[in-house]
Structures are given as structure tokens and as C-alpha cells.
C-alpha atoms as a PDB file:
ATOM      1  CA  MET A   1      67.842 -84.853 -67.435  1.00  0.00           C
ATOM      2  CA  GLU A   2      70.942 -82.690 -67.418  1.00  0.00           C
ATOM      3  CA  ASN A   3      70.840 -82.200 -71.150  1.00  0.00           C
ATOM      4  CA  ALA A   4      67.110 -81.393 -71.067  1.00  0.00           C
ATOM      5  CA  GLU A   5      67.568 -78.611 -68.509  1.00  0.00           C
ATOM      6  CA  VAL A   6      70.509 -77.170 -70.398  1.00  0.00           C
ATOM      7  CA  ALA A   7      68.574 -77.235 -73.679  1.00  0.00           C
ATOM      8  CA  GLY A   8      65.598 -75.501 -72.057  1.00  0.00           C
ATOM      9  CA  SER A   9      67.626 -72.651 -70.595  1.00  0.00           C
ATOM     10  CA  GLU A  10      70.584 -72.304 -72.978  1.00  0.00           C
ATOM     11  CA  HIS A  11      71.038 -72.518 -76.707  1.00  0.00           C
ATOM     12  CA  ILE A  12      73.039 -75.662 -77.558  1.00  0.00           C
ATOM     13  CA  HIS A  13      76.057 -74.785 -79.589  1.00  0.00           C
ATOM     14  CA  THR A  14      78.732 -77.286 -80.561  1.00  0.00           C
ATOM     15  CA  THR A  15      82.104 -75.635 -80.709  1.00  0.00           C
ATOM     16  CA  VAL A  16      84.899 -76.450 -83.064  1.00  0.00           C
ATOM     17  CA  GLY A  17      88.440 -76.197 -81.748  1.00  0.00           C
ATOM     18  CA  THR A  18      89.780 -75.923 -78.220  1.00  0.00           C
ATOM     19  CA  VAL A  19      87.589 -73.213 -76.646  1.00  0.00           C
ATOM     20  CA  LYS A  20      87.548 -73.852 -72.925  1.00  0.00           C
ATOM     21  CA  CYS A  21      84.663 -73.274 -70.522  1.00  0.00           C
ATOM     22  CA  GLU A  22      84.701 -69.677 -69.342  1.00  0.00           C
ATOM     23  CA  GLU A  23      83.289 -70.657 -65.981  1.00  0.00           C
ATOM     24  CA  CYS A  24      85.511 -73.508 -64.785  1.00  0.00           C
ATOM     25  CA  HIS A  25      88.376 -73.028 -67.295  1.00  0.00           C
ATOM     26  CA  ARG A  26      89.049 -76.792 -67.331  1.00  0.00           C
ATOM     27  CA  GLU A  27      86.767 -78.557 -69.796  1.00  0.00           C
ATOM     28  CA  LEU A  28      86.032 -77.740 -73.403  1.00  0.00           C
ATOM     29  CA  ALA A  29      82.966 -75.554 -73.889  1.00  0.00           C
ATOM     30  CA  LYS A  30      79.851 -77.172 -75.341  1.00  0.00           C
ATOM     31  CA  TYR A  31      77.197 -74.491 -74.842  1.00  0.00           C
ATOM     32  CA  LYS A  32      76.804 -70.789 -75.528  1.00  0.00           C
ATOM     33  CA  CYS A  33      74.544 -68.586 -73.412  1.00  0.00           C
ATOM     34  CA  PRO A  34      71.932 -66.823 -75.635  1.00  0.00           C
ATOM     35  CA  GLY A  35      71.877 -63.885 -73.239  1.00  0.00           C
ATOM     36  CA  CYS A  36      75.561 -62.989 -72.874  1.00  0.00           C
ATOM     37  CA  SER A  37      77.309 -65.458 -75.254  1.00  0.00           C
ATOM     38  CA  LEU A  38      79.381 -66.942 -72.418  1.00  0.00           C
ATOM     39  CA  ARG A  39      80.778 -70.439 -73.137  1.00  0.00           C
ATOM     40  CA  THR A  40      80.064 -73.227 -70.653  1.00  0.00           C
ATOM     41  CA  CYS A  41      80.698 -76.952 -70.544  1.00  0.00           C
ATOM     42  CA  SER A  42      78.030 -78.463 -68.292  1.00  0.00           C
ATOM     43  CA  LEU A  43      74.890 -77.856 -66.250  1.00  0.00           C
ATOM     44  CA  PRO A  44      76.771 -76.957 -63.011  1.00  0.00           C
ATOM     45  CA  CYS A  45      78.715 -74.322 -64.927  1.00  0.00           C
ATOM     46  CA  VAL A  46      75.487 -73.009 -66.466  1.00  0.00           C
ATOM     47  CA  ARG A  47      73.960 -72.594 -63.007  1.00  0.00           C
ATOM     48  CA  ALA A  48      77.128 -71.077 -61.564  1.00  0.00           C
ATOM     49  CA  HIS A  49      77.286 -68.618 -64.449  1.00  0.00           C
ATOM     50  CA  LYS A  50      73.671 -67.493 -63.890  1.00  0.00           C
ATOM     51  CA  GLU A  51      74.170 -67.058 -60.132  1.00  0.00           C
ATOM     52  CA  ARG A  52      77.418 -65.154 -60.576  1.00  0.00           C
ATOM     53  CA  THR A  53      76.320 -62.762 -63.322  1.00  0.00           C
ATOM     54  CA  SER A  54      72.528 -62.720 -62.666  1.00  0.00           C
ATOM     55  CA  CYS A  55      72.061 -63.587 -66.333  1.00  0.00           C
ATOM     56  CA  SER A  56      68.580 -64.716 -67.357  1.00  0.00           C
ATOM     57  CA  GLY A  57      69.885 -66.968 -70.099  1.00  0.00           C
ATOM     58  CA  LYS A  58      67.443 -65.461 -72.616  1.00  0.00           C
ATOM     59  CA  ARG A  59      68.361 -63.726 -75.830  1.00  0.00           C
ATOM     60  CA  ASP A  60      67.800 -59.973 -76.024  1.00  0.00           C
ATOM     61  CA  ARG A  61      65.166 -59.807 -78.756  1.00  0.00           C
ATOM     62  CA  THR A  62      65.435 -56.020 -79.014  1.00  0.00           C
ATOM     63  CA  SER A  63      69.124 -56.007 -79.915  1.00  0.00           C
ATOM     64  CA  PHE A  64      70.158 -54.750 -83.330  1.00  0.00           C
ATOM     65  CA  VAL A  65      70.585 -57.328 -86.079  1.00  0.00           C
ATOM     66  CA  SER A  66      72.285 -56.388 -89.314  1.00  0.00           C
ATOM     67  CA  LEU A  67      70.520 -57.001 -92.607  1.00  0.00           C
ATOM     68  CA  GLU A  68      72.902 -59.718 -93.697  1.00  0.00           C
ATOM     69  CA  ASN A  69      72.234 -61.652 -90.497  1.00  0.00           C
ATOM     70  CA  PHE A  70      68.457 -61.141 -90.664  1.00  0.00           C
ATOM     71  CA  ASP A  71      66.861 -64.491 -91.555  1.00  0.00           C
ATOM     72  CA  ASP A  72      63.453 -66.161 -91.258  1.00  0.00           C
ATOM     73  CA  ALA A  73      64.087 -67.178 -87.662  1.00  0.00           C
ATOM     74  CA  GLN A  74      64.830 -63.561 -86.733  1.00  0.00           C
ATOM     75  CA  LEU A  75      61.668 -62.404 -88.523  1.00  0.00           C
ATOM     76  CA  LEU A  76      59.552 -64.928 -86.631  1.00  0.00           C
ATOM     77  CA  SER A  77      61.157 -63.864 -83.369  1.00  0.00           C
ATOM     78  CA  ASP A  78      60.342 -60.209 -84.020  1.00  0.00           C
ATOM     79  CA  TYR A  79      56.753 -61.093 -84.911  1.00  0.00           C
ATOM     80  CA  ASN A  80      56.315 -63.051 -81.671  1.00  0.00           C
ATOM     81  CA  LEU A  81      57.786 -60.137 -79.726  1.00  0.00           C
ATOM     82  CA  LEU A  82      55.258 -57.711 -81.208  1.00  0.00           C
ATOM     83  CA  GLU A  83      52.420 -60.125 -80.414  1.00  0.00           C
ATOM     84  CA  GLU A  84      53.525 -60.374 -76.786  1.00  0.00           C
ATOM     85  CA  VAL A  85      53.828 -56.594 -76.455  1.00  0.00           C
ATOM     86  CA  LEU A  86      50.306 -56.130 -77.857  1.00  0.00           C
ATOM     87  CA  ARG A  87      48.913 -58.775 -75.504  1.00  0.00           C
ATOM     88  CA  GLN A  88      50.559 -57.161 -72.489  1.00  0.00           C
ATOM     89  CA  ALA A  89      49.268 -53.720 -73.533  1.00  0.00           C
ATOM     90  CA  GLU A  90      45.688 -54.989 -73.854  1.00  0.00           C
ATOM     91  CA  SER A  91      45.970 -56.710 -70.480  1.00  0.00           C
ATOM     92  CA  ALA A  92      47.223 -53.491 -68.867  1.00  0.00           C
ATOM     93  CA  LYS A  93      44.263 -51.551 -70.309  1.00  0.00           C
ATOM     94  CA  ARG A  94      41.810 -53.982 -68.745  1.00  0.00           C
ATOM     95  CA  PHE A  95      43.321 -53.970 -65.274  1.00  0.00           C
ATOM     96  CA  SER A  96      44.509 -50.383 -64.864  1.00  0.00           C
ATOM     97  CA  ALA A  97      42.533 -47.185 -65.350  1.00  0.00           C
ATOM     98  CA  PRO A  98      44.047 -44.384 -67.440  1.00  0.00           C
ATOM     99  CA  PHE A  99      45.368 -41.261 -65.747  1.00  0.00           C
ATOM    100  CA  ASN A 100      42.368 -39.258 -66.995  1.00  0.00           C
ATOM    101  CA  ALA A 101      39.773 -41.889 -66.000  1.00  0.00           C
ATOM    102  CA  LYS A 102      37.659 -39.405 -64.038  1.00  0.00           C
ATOM    103  CA  LYS A 103      37.561 -36.993 -66.951  1.00  0.00           C
ATOM    104  CA  LEU A 104      36.568 -39.759 -69.357  1.00  0.00           C
ATOM    105  CA  GLU A 105      33.955 -41.039 -66.913  1.00  0.00           C
ATOM    106  CA  ARG A 106      32.208 -37.670 -66.849  1.00  0.00           C
ATOM    107  CA  HIS A 107      31.694 -37.855 -70.619  1.00  0.00           C
ATOM    108  CA  ASN A 108      30.711 -41.525 -70.724  1.00  0.00           C
ATOM    109  CA  PRO A 109      27.124 -41.756 -72.100  1.00  0.00           C
ATOM    110  CA  PHE A 110      26.202 -44.493 -69.631  1.00  0.00           C
ATOM    111  CA  MET A 111      27.562 -42.494 -66.695  1.00  0.00           C
ATOM    112  CA  ILE A 112      25.579 -39.455 -67.842  1.00  0.00           C
ATOM    113  CA  LEU A 113      22.502 -41.654 -68.164  1.00  0.00           C
ATOM    114  CA  LYS A 114      23.037 -43.079 -64.690  1.00  0.00           C
ATOM    115  CA  ARG A 115      23.439 -39.579 -63.231  1.00  0.00           C
ATOM    116  CA  GLU A 116      20.236 -38.356 -64.889  1.00  0.00           C
ATOM    117  CA  ALA A 117      18.374 -41.434 -63.655  1.00  0.00           C
ATOM    118  CA  LYS A 118      19.573 -40.726 -60.121  1.00  0.00           C
ATOM    119  CA  LYS A 119      18.111 -37.218 -60.373  1.00  0.00           C
ATOM    120  CA  ARG A 120      14.772 -38.901 -61.105  1.00  0.00           C
ATOM    121  CA  GLN A 121      15.256 -41.201 -58.076  1.00  0.00           C
ATOM    122  CA  ILE A 122      15.741 -44.226 -60.340  1.00  0.00           C
ATOM    123  CA  ASN A 123      18.330 -46.796 -59.301  1.00  0.00           C
ATOM    124  CA  LEU A 124      19.865 -47.646 -62.685  1.00  0.00           C
ATOM    125  CA  VAL A 125      22.382 -50.498 -62.688  1.00  0.00           C
ATOM    126  CA  ILE A 126      24.895 -50.572 -65.564  1.00  0.00           C
ATOM    127  CA  LEU A 127      26.417 -54.001 -66.213  1.00  0.00           C
ATOM    128  CA  PRO A 128      30.080 -54.541 -67.189  1.00  0.00           C
ATOM    129  CA  ARG A 129      31.129 -54.509 -70.826  1.00  0.00           C
ATOM    130  CA  GLY A 130      30.552 -57.734 -72.690  1.00  0.00           C
ATOM    131  CA  MET A 131      27.240 -58.545 -70.994  1.00  0.00           C
ATOM    132  CA  THR A 132      24.310 -59.146 -73.362  1.00  0.00           C
ATOM    133  CA  LYS A 133      21.990 -56.577 -71.786  1.00  0.00           C
ATOM    134  CA  ARG A 134      24.749 -53.973 -71.869  1.00  0.00           C
ATOM    135  CA  ALA A 135      25.303 -54.593 -75.579  1.00  0.00           C
ATOM    136  CA  ASP A 136      21.558 -54.464 -76.353  1.00  0.00           C
ATOM    137  CA  ASN A 137      20.848 -51.350 -74.298  1.00  0.00           C
ATOM    138  CA  SER A 138      19.955 -48.406 -76.533  1.00  0.00           C
ATOM    139  CA  THR A 139      18.758 -46.122 -73.731  1.00  0.00           C
ATOM    140  CA  ARG A 140      20.160 -42.613 -74.036  1.00  0.00           C
ATOM    141  CA  PHE A 141      19.805 -39.174 -72.498  1.00  0.00           C
ATOM    142  CA  CYS A 142      19.011 -36.358 -74.917  1.00  0.00           C
ATOM    143  CA  LYS A 143      20.761 -33.240 -73.640  1.00  0.00           C
ATOM    144  CA  ARG A 144      18.853 -30.912 -75.959  1.00  0.00           C
ATOM    145  CA  LYS A 145      15.424 -32.141 -74.823  1.00  0.00           C
ATOM    146  CA  ARG A 146      16.573 -32.957 -71.266  1.00  0.00           C
ATOM    147  CA  CYS A 147      14.790 -36.280 -71.638  1.00  0.00           C
ATOM    148  CA  ILE A 148      15.626 -39.979 -71.277  1.00  0.00           C
ATOM    149  CA  PHE A 149      14.678 -42.217 -74.179  1.00  0.00           C
ATOM    150  CA  TRP A 150      14.372 -45.707 -72.726  1.00  0.00           C
ATOM    151  CA  ARG A 151      14.772 -49.069 -74.360  1.00  0.00           C
ATOM    152  CA  ILE A 152      11.691 -50.975 -73.200  1.00  0.00           C
ATOM    153  CA  GLU A 153      11.154 -54.705 -73.484  1.00  0.00           C
ATOM    154  CA  TRP A 154       7.456 -55.611 -73.594  1.00  0.00           C
ATOM    155  CA  ARG A 155       6.700 -59.199 -72.578  1.00  0.00           C
ATOM    156  CA  PHE A 156       3.140 -60.341 -73.269  1.00  0.00           C
ATOM    157  CA  HIS A 157       1.622 -62.794 -70.811  1.00  0.00           C
ATOM    158  CA  PRO A 158       0.904 -65.685 -71.209  1.00  0.00           C
ATOM    159  CA  GLU A 159       2.165 -66.007 -74.817  1.00  0.00           C
ATOM    160  CA  ASN A 160       5.676 -64.863 -73.778  1.00  0.00           C
ATOM    161  CA  PHE A 161       5.834 -62.783 -76.948  1.00  0.00           C
ATOM    162  CA  VAL A 162       8.427 -59.984 -76.830  1.00  0.00           C
ATOM    163  CA  LEU A 163       8.414 -56.559 -78.469  1.00  0.00           C
ATOM    164  CA  VAL A 164      11.183 -54.004 -78.071  1.00  0.00           C
ATOM    165  CA  SER A 165      10.886 -50.217 -78.114  1.00  0.00           C
ATOM    166  CA  PRO A 166      14.437 -48.998 -78.763  1.00  0.00           C
ATOM    167  CA  SER A 167      13.776 -45.330 -77.948  1.00  0.00           C
ATOM    168  CA  ALA A 168      10.699 -44.629 -75.800  1.00  0.00           C
ATOM    169  CA  ASP A 169      10.091 -41.099 -74.552  1.00  0.00           C
ATOM    170  CA  GLU A 170       9.874 -40.994 -70.753  1.00  0.00           C
ATOM    171  CA  ASN A 171       7.158 -38.311 -70.937  1.00  0.00           C
ATOM    172  CA  GLU A 172       4.725 -40.596 -72.764  1.00  0.00           C
ATOM    173  CA  SER A 173       2.376 -43.037 -71.051  1.00  0.00           C
ATOM    174  CA  PRO A 174       2.896 -46.825 -71.212  1.00  0.00           C
ATOM    175  CA  ALA A 175      -0.354 -47.219 -73.162  1.00  0.00           C
ATOM    176  CA  LYS A 176       0.714 -44.734 -75.833  1.00  0.00           C
ATOM    177  CA  LEU A 177       4.207 -46.208 -76.104  1.00  0.00           C
ATOM    178  CA  LEU A 178       2.801 -49.713 -76.562  1.00  0.00           C
ATOM    179  CA  ARG A 179       0.254 -48.484 -79.109  1.00  0.00           C
ATOM    180  CA  LEU A 180       3.041 -46.916 -81.146  1.00  0.00           C
ATOM    181  CA  GLN A 181       5.117 -50.087 -80.984  1.00  0.00           C
ATOM    182  CA  LEU A 182       2.215 -52.321 -82.005  1.00  0.00           C
ATOM    183  CA  SER A 183       1.545 -50.103 -84.999  1.00  0.00           C
ATOM    184  CA  LYS A 184       5.130 -50.698 -86.173  1.00  0.00           C
ATOM    185  CA  ASN A 185       4.825 -54.494 -85.887  1.00  0.00           C
ATOM    186  CA  ASP A 186       2.003 -55.447 -88.230  1.00  0.00           C
ATOM    187  CA  GLY A 187       3.142 -59.056 -88.609  1.00  0.00           C
ATOM    188  CA  PHE A 188       4.046 -61.504 -85.840  1.00  0.00           C
ATOM    189  CA  GLN A 189       5.803 -64.268 -87.738  1.00  0.00           C
ATOM    190  CA  GLY A 190       6.451 -67.435 -85.809  1.00  0.00           C
ATOM    191  CA  TYR A 191       3.975 -66.663 -83.029  1.00  0.00           C
ATOM    192  CA  ASN A 192       0.328 -67.393 -82.347  1.00  0.00           C
ATOM    193  CA  MET A 193      -1.330 -64.962 -84.752  1.00  0.00           C
ATOM    194  CA  ARG A 194      -4.848 -65.431 -83.399  1.00  0.00           C
ATOM    195  CA  LYS A 195      -3.932 -64.623 -79.804  1.00  0.00           C
ATOM    196  CA  MET A 196      -1.861 -61.591 -80.710  1.00  0.00           C
ATOM    197  CA  ARG A 197      -4.564 -60.168 -82.970  1.00  0.00           C
ATOM    198  CA  LYS A 198      -7.118 -60.677 -80.224  1.00  0.00           C
ATOM    199  CA  LEU A 199      -4.858 -58.852 -77.781  1.00  0.00           C
ATOM    200  CA  CYS A 200      -4.266 -55.942 -80.166  1.00  0.00           C
ATOM    201  CA  LYS A 201      -8.019 -55.462 -80.681  1.00  0.00           C
ATOM    202  CA  LYS A 202      -8.516 -54.757 -76.969  1.00  0.00           C
ATOM    203  CA  PRO A 203      -8.227 -51.203 -75.671  1.00  0.00           C
ATOM    204  CA  ILE A 204      -4.622 -50.607 -74.657  1.00  0.00           C
ATOM    205  CA  GLU A 205      -5.745 -48.819 -71.485  1.00  0.00           C
ATOM    206  CA  SER A 206      -7.462 -52.024 -70.280  1.00  0.00           C
ATOM    207  CA  LEU A 207      -4.158 -53.931 -70.154  1.00  0.00           C
ATOM    208  CA  ARG A 208      -2.121 -54.282 -66.996  1.00  0.00           C
ATOM    209  CA  PHE A 209       1.485 -53.100 -67.013  1.00  0.00           C
ATOM    210  CA  LEU A 210       3.701 -54.799 -64.428  1.00  0.00           C
ATOM    211  CA  ILE A 211       7.366 -54.197 -63.752  1.00  0.00           C
ATOM    212  CA  ALA A 212       9.322 -56.650 -61.621  1.00  0.00           C
ATOM    213  CA  GLN A 213      10.826 -55.447 -58.369  1.00  0.00           C
ATOM    214  CA  LYS A 214      14.511 -56.321 -58.454  1.00  0.00           C
ATOM    215  CA  MET A 215      16.616 -57.638 -55.571  1.00  0.00           C
ATOM    216  CA  CYS A 216      13.842 -59.901 -54.270  1.00  0.00           C
ATOM    217  CA  HIS A 217      14.493 -62.534 -51.621  1.00  0.00           C
ATOM    218  CA  GLY A 218      14.816 -66.070 -52.958  1.00  0.00           C
ATOM    219  CA  ASN A 219      12.955 -67.027 -56.120  1.00  0.00           C
ATOM    220  CA  GLN A 220       9.867 -64.940 -55.436  1.00  0.00           C
ATOM    221  CA  LYS A 221       8.876 -62.251 -57.933  1.00  0.00           C
ATOM    222  CA  ASN A 222       7.239 -59.095 -56.738  1.00  0.00           C
ATOM    223  CA  TYR A 223       5.666 -56.671 -59.173  1.00  0.00           C
ATOM    224  CA  ILE A 224       4.810 -52.990 -59.246  1.00  0.00           C
ATOM    225  CA  GLU A 225       1.730 -52.139 -61.306  1.00  0.00           C
ATOM    226  CA  LEU A 226       2.053 -49.032 -63.452  1.00  0.00           C
ATOM    227  CA  ASP A 227      -0.646 -46.580 -64.455  1.00  0.00           C
ATOM    228  CA  PRO A 228      -1.343 -46.957 -68.211  1.00  0.00           C
ATOM    229  CA  SER A 229      -2.232 -43.273 -68.701  1.00  0.00           C
ATOM    230  CA  GLU A 230       0.474 -41.514 -66.652  1.00  0.00           C
ATOM    231  CA  PRO A 231       3.981 -40.583 -67.900  1.00  0.00           C
ATOM    232  CA  PHE A 232       6.204 -43.623 -67.966  1.00  0.00           C
ATOM    233  CA  GLY A 233       9.360 -41.983 -66.598  1.00  0.00           C
ATOM    234  CA  ALA A 234       7.601 -40.505 -63.586  1.00  0.00           C
ATOM    235  CA  GLN A 235       6.519 -44.005 -62.498  1.00  0.00           C
ATOM    236  CA  LEU A 236      10.036 -45.448 -62.382  1.00  0.00           C
ATOM    237  CA  ASP A 237      11.118 -43.608 -59.232  1.00  0.00           C
ATOM    238  CA  GLN A 238      12.303 -45.786 -56.331  1.00  0.00           C
ATOM    239  CA  ILE A 239      12.652 -48.753 -58.731  1.00  0.00           C
ATOM    240  CA  THR A 240      15.872 -50.658 -59.457  1.00  0.00           C
ATOM    241  CA  ILE A 241      16.373 -51.112 -63.201  1.00  0.00           C
ATOM    242  CA  ILE A 242      19.128 -53.281 -64.650  1.00  0.00           C
ATOM    243  CA  GLU A 243      20.177 -51.601 -67.930  1.00  0.00           C
ATOM    244  CA  TYR A 244      16.600 -51.087 -69.224  1.00  0.00           C
ATOM    245  CA  PRO A 245      13.049 -51.771 -67.978  1.00  0.00           C
ATOM    246  CA  THR A 246      11.170 -54.951 -68.851  1.00  0.00           C
ATOM    247  CA  ILE A 247       7.378 -54.580 -68.638  1.00  0.00           C
ATOM    248  CA  LEU A 248       5.016 -57.521 -68.348  1.00  0.00           C
ATOM    249  CA  VAL A 249       1.812 -56.853 -70.315  1.00  0.00           C
ATOM    250  CA  VAL A 250      -1.149 -58.798 -68.896  1.00  0.00           C
ATOM    251  CA  PRO A 251      -4.727 -58.838 -70.276  1.00  0.00           C
ATOM    252  CA  SER A 252      -7.356 -57.609 -67.860  1.00  0.00           C
ATOM    253  CA  ASP A 253      -9.286 -60.908 -68.046  1.00  0.00           C
ATOM    254  CA  ASP A 254      -6.220 -63.044 -67.274  1.00  0.00           C
ATOM    255  CA  GLY A 255      -6.660 -65.123 -64.132  1.00  0.00           C
ATOM    256  CA  THR A 256      -2.975 -65.391 -63.215  1.00  0.00           C
ATOM    257  CA  THR A 257      -2.186 -64.171 -59.713  1.00  0.00           C
ATOM    258  CA  PHE A 258       0.779 -61.809 -59.408  1.00  0.00           C
ATOM    259  CA  LYS A 259       2.208 -60.545 -56.147  1.00  0.00           C
ATOM    260  CA  ILE A 260       1.679 -56.776 -56.398  1.00  0.00           C
ATOM    261  CA  VAL A 261       3.702 -54.916 -53.770  1.00  0.00           C
ATOM    262  CA  GLU A 262       2.712 -51.452 -55.004  1.00  0.00           C
ATOM    263  CA  ASP A 263      -0.097 -50.168 -57.223  1.00  0.00           C
ATOM    264  CA  ARG A 264       0.899 -46.883 -58.814  1.00  0.00           C
ATOM    265  CA  ARG A 265      -2.515 -46.348 -60.398  1.00  0.00           C
ATOM    266  CA  ILE A 266      -3.836 -44.960 -57.134  1.00  0.00           C
ATOM    267  CA  ARG A 267      -1.022 -42.573 -56.285  1.00  0.00           C
ATOM    268  CA  GLN A 268      -0.414 -39.045 -57.509  1.00  0.00           C
ATOM    269  CA  MET A 269       2.424 -39.006 -59.979  1.00  0.00           C
ATOM    270  CA  PRO A 270       5.303 -36.599 -59.267  1.00  0.00           C
ATOM    271  CA  VAL A 271       5.699 -33.754 -61.737  1.00  0.00           C
ATOM    272  CA  ILE A 272       9.014 -33.811 -63.617  1.00  0.00           C
ATOM    273  CA  VAL A 273      10.436 -30.283 -63.729  1.00  0.00           C
ATOM    274  CA  ASP A 274      13.631 -29.504 -65.621  1.00  0.00           C
ATOM    275  CA  ALA A 275      16.505 -27.629 -63.949  1.00  0.00           C
ATOM    276  CA  THR A 276      15.773 -24.264 -65.621  1.00  0.00           C
ATOM    277  CA  THR A 277      12.118 -24.250 -64.574  1.00  0.00           C
ATOM    278  CA  GLN A 278      13.043 -25.341 -61.054  1.00  0.00           C
ATOM    279  CA  LYS A 279      15.517 -22.462 -60.745  1.00  0.00           C
ATOM    280  CA  LEU A 280      12.897 -19.964 -61.927  1.00  0.00           C
ATOM    281  CA  LEU A 281      10.399 -21.304 -59.413  1.00  0.00           C
ATOM    282  CA  GLU A 282      12.906 -21.003 -56.583  1.00  0.00           C
ATOM    283  CA  THR A 283      13.937 -17.444 -57.419  1.00  0.00           C
ATOM    284  CA  ALA A 284      10.454 -16.149 -58.249  1.00  0.00           C
ATOM    285  CA  THR A 285       9.025 -13.556 -55.800  1.00  0.00           C
ATOM    286  CA  VAL A 286       5.487 -12.265 -55.400  1.00  0.00           C
ATOM    287  CA  THR A 287       5.100  -8.554 -55.978  1.00  0.00           C
ATOM    288  CA  ASP A 288       2.422  -6.643 -54.081  1.00  0.00           C
ATOM    289  CA  GLY A 289       2.171  -3.923 -56.701  1.00  0.00           C
ATOM    290  CA  VAL A 290       3.534  -0.396 -56.991  1.00  0.00           C
ATOM    291  CA  PRO A 291       2.133   2.257 -54.614  1.00  0.00           C
ATOM    292  CA  TYR A 292       0.621   5.312 -56.239  1.00  0.00           C
ATOM    293  CA  ARG A 293      -0.967   8.603 -55.119  1.00  0.00           C
ATOM    294  CA  GLU A 294      -4.497   9.443 -56.066  1.00  0.00           C
ATOM    295  CA  GLU A 295      -4.996  12.958 -57.414  1.00  0.00           C
ATOM    296  CA  GLU A 296      -8.035  14.830 -58.511  1.00  0.00           C
ATOM    297  CA  ILE A 297      -7.758  15.951 -62.132  1.00  0.00           C
ATOM    298  CA  GLU A 298      -9.853  18.893 -63.262  1.00  0.00           C
ATOM    299  CA  GLU A 299     -11.440  18.975 -66.675  1.00  0.00           C
ATOM    300  CA  GLY A 300      -9.028  20.158 -69.371  1.00  0.00           C
ATOM    301  CA  GLU A 301      -5.913  19.638 -67.234  1.00  0.00           C
ATOM    302  CA  ILE A 302      -2.988  17.752 -68.803  1.00  0.00           C
ATOM    303  CA  VAL A 303      -1.139  15.331 -66.594  1.00  0.00           C
ATOM    304  CA  ASP A 304       2.506  14.389 -67.324  1.00  0.00           C
END
């Protein structure tokens, strides 16, 4: 047990000659401390040496080694040191924010997207990095057009067939967006061809578009029914969306009962006005005209 503890903390070095222990000065030294090269003879002297000098007993891997003393063991030690430094640096990046975190956050595309969604009264939830939905999300905010292009996942009921629109304009209606996506997917390999063709032959406006209400109690699923002909982005207000919206497409003749908590086909959609137009509307004033004086002009008279 003694030898095991000494071997784990100190480098075993057999001495030749009569070098005495530098701690007790009585017995011959058997061990050499890798940290400070002090010679000791036994485990009690090793412990006494560490308590007296506060030595860790570990070799300084950053100390200079001459080329003639540089061997394979030293090379492996340096490689392990670099690996540990890299691992510690990556760990520090994950658990501590950089000094300019706020500045970087302002230019983060997802933070910009979340801010623009908040202006539209949409509760957009961005998941942490590494999550599948975060990696798949292609939603972006176009600064030039002042428009959000959503990634939309269309789930067809009851076939559970899925289509994805990677960049759907928020100013277009759900019916038009789905029509465009169906035109890009002529073949449905691996799925029930007959049912999908039958669904595509129906008028798009006759389909029902349902979006699930998030944060429901228990296992119940509540849905909000969207208007097929109104702008898609204007219908997402007051809705919690995790990364991107998932829309359930249901045929009009389907007998499945869904719990509809809000029907947005019967409400007046809010008008989306960009910041420049809103500022012009706020600063605009009504002019009553310019007063003028009526004068009688005789024939042949020139008026300046």
C-alpha cells in the first residue's frame, strides 16, 4: 500500500551511491520528486516534504527541455498537455459568455428573428444549440424586404405525410404557400399515391389549416384554425411557436374532431405596416388649404 501511494504521487527513482534522504537526513534516498527533484526515502518523508514545501508532486510540463533530452516520452507529454488545454478552453467557452456577448447577441440572426417576431406579437421560442429543430430551422428575417420567411412544416391528416416549405413569405396566404409547395413535389415516393393525388385535386381553399396551441395542460391538444386566404404572418399573432410553425392540413370532409379554441376565419386580420409607413402615418397632418383673396379681373388686364 505504501509503495502504491508513493508510485502514484512520486516518480520512482532508484539511486546509486550514498545519497541520503533530504527530508529526514537518516536513510538512503529511494525516490525523487517530479515537481522539485527532492530526494526522499519513504512515504512519511514524501508526505512531510509536500506539507512543508506545498509541493504538488507533479512535473512542470511547461518547463524548458533541451533538444538532446527531448525524447518520445517528452513528445507524448507535450501532446497530452495541448489536448488538455484545448479541452479546458472549449469547456470555458460553453460555460462563460465572452466580454462582448451583448454586442454579438444583437447581431445574432436568431435574436434578430426573435425581436422581429415580438414586434408582430408572436411568441417565438428559440431552442438551445444542438437540438434537432434548431438545426433544421431555416426561418430568417430579410432586412431589405422587412419580411420574415418562415420554415413551415405541413402535416397532412390522416396520412401523416409531411412537406416542408423552407422559406415561406409571411405576406402570402396559407393556401397559396401550400399550392406552391405541392407544385414543387410532383412525386410522393414511399407514401400512399392515391390518397395524396386525391387530396391535391381538391381546391386548396377547401382544406382546413390548424396550428397547435403550445403550452397546453396535460396531454390535450388545442388548435387554432387559420384562414386559408389571409396573409399567413398576420395570423400568427398571440401564438407560441417553437422554432418554426407546424400546420396540420385536414380535408374538409374529414370526420375527425379537433378541439378548436379559436377560429381566425371569422376575425378581421390586423394590417402589417412597416416602420417607415407607420412613422409617416403618425407624422402626417391634414391641411385645410391655403386662404386666398377673390378679385375681380377686368377684360384685358394682366395679373401677376
